[in-house]
Each structure stands twice: as structure tokens, then as C-alpha cells.
Amino acid sequence: MRFSKKTALALLVVALSASGCGKTPKDRLQGRWLGESIENVPEPHLAKAMGWVKGTAFEFAGSKVTVTIPAESPRTGAFRVTEANGDRVLVSFLREEGGRDEAELQLVGEGQMRWKIGDGREIVLVKAVRN
């Protein structure tokens, strides 16, 4: 059986697409993520929690991340994806001054990320659009 060059090229493109040549979890994290909302917070605490969330940001650049949390100085350090299962990603943050933090994130499409903070609560972050 003989294939034309066009047919062979088309088959190669399909095979590469099917083999998962898409973005890695680390690639999908790249960019600035801004806090948008929080889920599963009791109504009496919602306004305060939303204020905290709106001041929260992650900025992933290469192997570095800067985490901004209200009432704290931004922290910068290295990060690595320690586990990835579909859209669920476990990230280890290595602080420049020492220490390590872990976060469970869920990537939703290209523009939303959910940070699971415990007790069924999730912070929803959206990817900042570059101008």
C-alpha cells in the first residue's frame, strides 16, 4: 500500500496530536493568575473572604513563581509540578528563604484555575490577559 506525501503528512499530524503533544501542566500554569471568587464559605464570612481572594495572585514564569497574599509581602521561589492527573495538578513551592508549600490546583480550560484550600473550599483564579 502506497501513500502520497500529503496523506503521509496528514497521518503524521493526526498521530502527533493523538499522542499528547499539547501543553504540559507546567506550561499551562505559566502567566499571572488573579483571585476572582471563593466557594463554600459561610455567608457571614463571605465578604471578608472575597476581599482576601481579590488580593491573591500567582505569577508563574519559567520555573519561578511569585505568590501574593493580602497583608503579606509577595513571596518568590521555585516551583515544580510533583503530580499531574488530567486537569488536577499538585505543585510544590520552594521558598527562596527555605521551606516548602504544596497546593492542589485544578486547571479549567485555558483561563481558569481552582486552588483547593481545604474543607471543601476552593479559590477560583482567572488568567490575566496580556495587553
Protein backbone atom coordinates (compact mmCIF):
# COMPACT_ATOMS: atom_id res chain seq x y z
CA MET A 1 0.00 0.00 0.00
CA ARG A 2 1.43 3.36 -1.03
CA PHE A 3 0.57 6.77 0.41
CA SER A 4 1.09 10.13 -1.18
CA LYS A 5 3.28 12.64 0.66
CA LYS A 6 0.19 14.67 1.60
CA THR A 7 -1.55 11.62 3.06
CA ALA A 8 1.56 10.61 4.99
CA LEU A 9 1.95 14.14 6.37
CA ALA A 10 -1.73 14.25 7.40
CA LEU A 11 -1.38 10.90 9.18
CA LEU A 12 1.72 12.15 10.99
CA VAL A 13 -0.10 15.27 12.20
CA VAL A 14 -3.03 13.17 13.46
CA ALA A 15 -0.68 10.74 15.21
CA LEU A 16 1.23 13.54 16.93
CA SER A 17 -1.99 15.21 18.04
CA ALA A 18 -3.33 11.97 19.46
CA SER A 19 -0.10 11.22 21.31
CA GLY A 20 -0.48 14.21 23.62
CA CYS A 21 1.82 16.81 22.13
CA GLY A 22 -0.20 19.52 23.87
CA LYS A 23 0.95 21.77 26.67
CA THR A 24 2.41 20.26 29.82
CA PRO A 25 0.85 21.15 33.18
CA LYS A 26 3.85 23.44 33.84
CA ASP A 27 3.21 25.20 30.50
CA ARG A 28 -0.47 25.67 31.35
CA LEU A 29 0.40 27.31 34.67
CA GLN A 30 2.57 29.99 33.07
CA GLY A 31 1.34 33.57 33.40
CA ARG A 32 -0.40 35.69 36.02
CA TRP A 33 -3.47 34.33 37.82
CA LEU A 34 -5.75 36.67 39.78
CA GLY A 35 -8.18 35.73 42.55
CA GLU A 36 -11.79 36.04 41.43
CA SER A 37 -14.03 34.21 43.91
CA ILE A 38 -14.22 31.62 46.67
CA GLU A 39 -16.63 28.72 47.07
CA ASN A 40 -18.14 27.07 50.16
CA VAL A 41 -17.63 29.92 52.63
CA PRO A 42 -20.41 30.62 55.16
CA GLU A 43 -22.38 33.78 54.35
CA PRO A 44 -21.25 35.72 57.46
CA HIS A 45 -17.60 35.34 56.34
CA LEU A 46 -18.08 35.73 52.60
CA ALA A 47 -17.38 39.48 52.27
CA LYS A 48 -14.12 39.25 54.22
CA ALA A 49 -13.05 36.11 52.32
CA MET A 50 -13.81 37.78 48.97
CA GLY A 51 -11.65 40.77 49.92
CA TRP A 52 -8.78 38.39 50.69
CA VAL A 53 -9.31 36.45 47.46
CA LYS A 54 -9.34 39.59 45.29
CA GLY A 55 -5.85 40.45 46.61
CA THR A 56 -4.45 36.98 45.89
CA ALA A 57 -2.32 36.27 42.82
CA PHE A 58 0.08 33.66 41.45
CA GLU A 59 2.57 34.53 38.73
CA PHE A 60 4.36 31.60 37.11
CA ALA A 61 7.38 32.45 34.94
CA GLY A 62 9.57 29.57 33.82
CA SER A 63 10.45 27.62 36.98
CA LYS A 64 9.76 30.56 39.31
CA VAL A 65 6.54 31.64 40.98
CA THR A 66 5.55 34.75 42.91
CA VAL A 67 2.66 34.30 45.32
CA THR A 68 0.85 37.42 46.52
CA ILE A 69 -1.39 37.09 49.56
CA PRO A 70 -3.06 40.13 51.21
CA ALA A 71 -1.31 41.50 54.33
CA GLU A 72 1.91 39.64 53.44
CA SER A 73 4.91 40.51 51.31
CA PRO A 74 4.91 38.72 47.94
CA ARG A 75 6.96 35.52 48.07
CA THR A 76 9.06 34.33 45.16
CA GLY A 77 10.67 30.94 44.75
CA ALA A 78 10.99 27.93 42.51
CA PHE A 79 8.11 25.59 41.85
CA ARG A 80 7.67 22.18 40.34
CA VAL A 81 4.75 20.03 39.39
CA THR A 82 5.00 16.97 41.64
CA GLU A 83 1.90 15.21 40.34
CA ALA A 84 -0.44 15.67 37.41
CA ASN A 85 -3.61 13.71 36.72
CA GLY A 86 -5.70 15.19 33.93
CA ASP A 87 -6.50 18.78 34.92
CA ARG A 88 -5.55 18.17 38.58
CA VAL A 89 -2.03 19.36 39.43
CA LEU A 90 -0.09 19.13 42.69
CA VAL A 91 2.50 21.91 42.86
CA SER A 92 5.41 22.22 45.29
CA PHE A 93 6.51 25.80 46.02
CA LEU A 94 10.11 26.14 47.23
CA ARG A 95 10.64 29.42 49.07
CA GLU A 96 13.88 31.35 48.48
CA GLU A 97 14.39 31.72 52.24
CA GLY A 98 13.79 27.99 52.70
CA GLY A 99 10.69 25.98 53.33
CA ARG A 100 8.18 24.38 51.03
CA ASP A 101 4.45 24.66 50.49
CA GLU A 102 2.17 22.47 48.41
CA ALA A 103 -1.02 23.35 46.61
CA GLU A 104 -3.60 21.29 44.80
CA LEU A 105 -4.75 23.11 41.69
CA GLN A 106 -7.29 22.23 39.03
CA LEU A 107 -6.88 23.81 35.60
CA VAL A 108 -10.23 24.54 33.97
CA GLY A 109 -9.72 25.23 30.29
CA GLU A 110 -7.08 27.81 29.44
CA GLY A 111 -8.35 30.67 31.57
CA GLN A 112 -9.42 29.39 34.98
CA MET A 113 -7.70 27.65 37.87
CA ARG A 114 -9.15 26.35 41.14
CA TRP A 115 -6.97 26.28 44.26
CA LYS A 116 -8.27 23.70 46.73
CA ILE A 117 -7.61 25.16 50.19
CA GLY A 118 -9.32 22.51 52.34
CA ASP A 119 -12.70 21.89 53.97
CA GLY A 120 -14.30 21.76 50.51
CA ARG A 121 -13.29 25.36 49.81
CA GLU A 122 -11.83 26.47 46.51
CA ILE A 123 -10.42 29.78 45.37
CA VAL A 124 -11.18 30.49 41.72
CA LEU A 125 -8.41 32.35 39.87
CA VAL A 126 -8.54 33.66 36.32
CA LYS A 127 -5.64 34.13 33.96
CA ALA A 128 -4.77 37.78 33.40
CA VAL A 129 -4.99 38.89 29.80
CA ARG A 130 -1.83 40.48 28.44
CA ASN A 131 -2.32 43.78 26.64
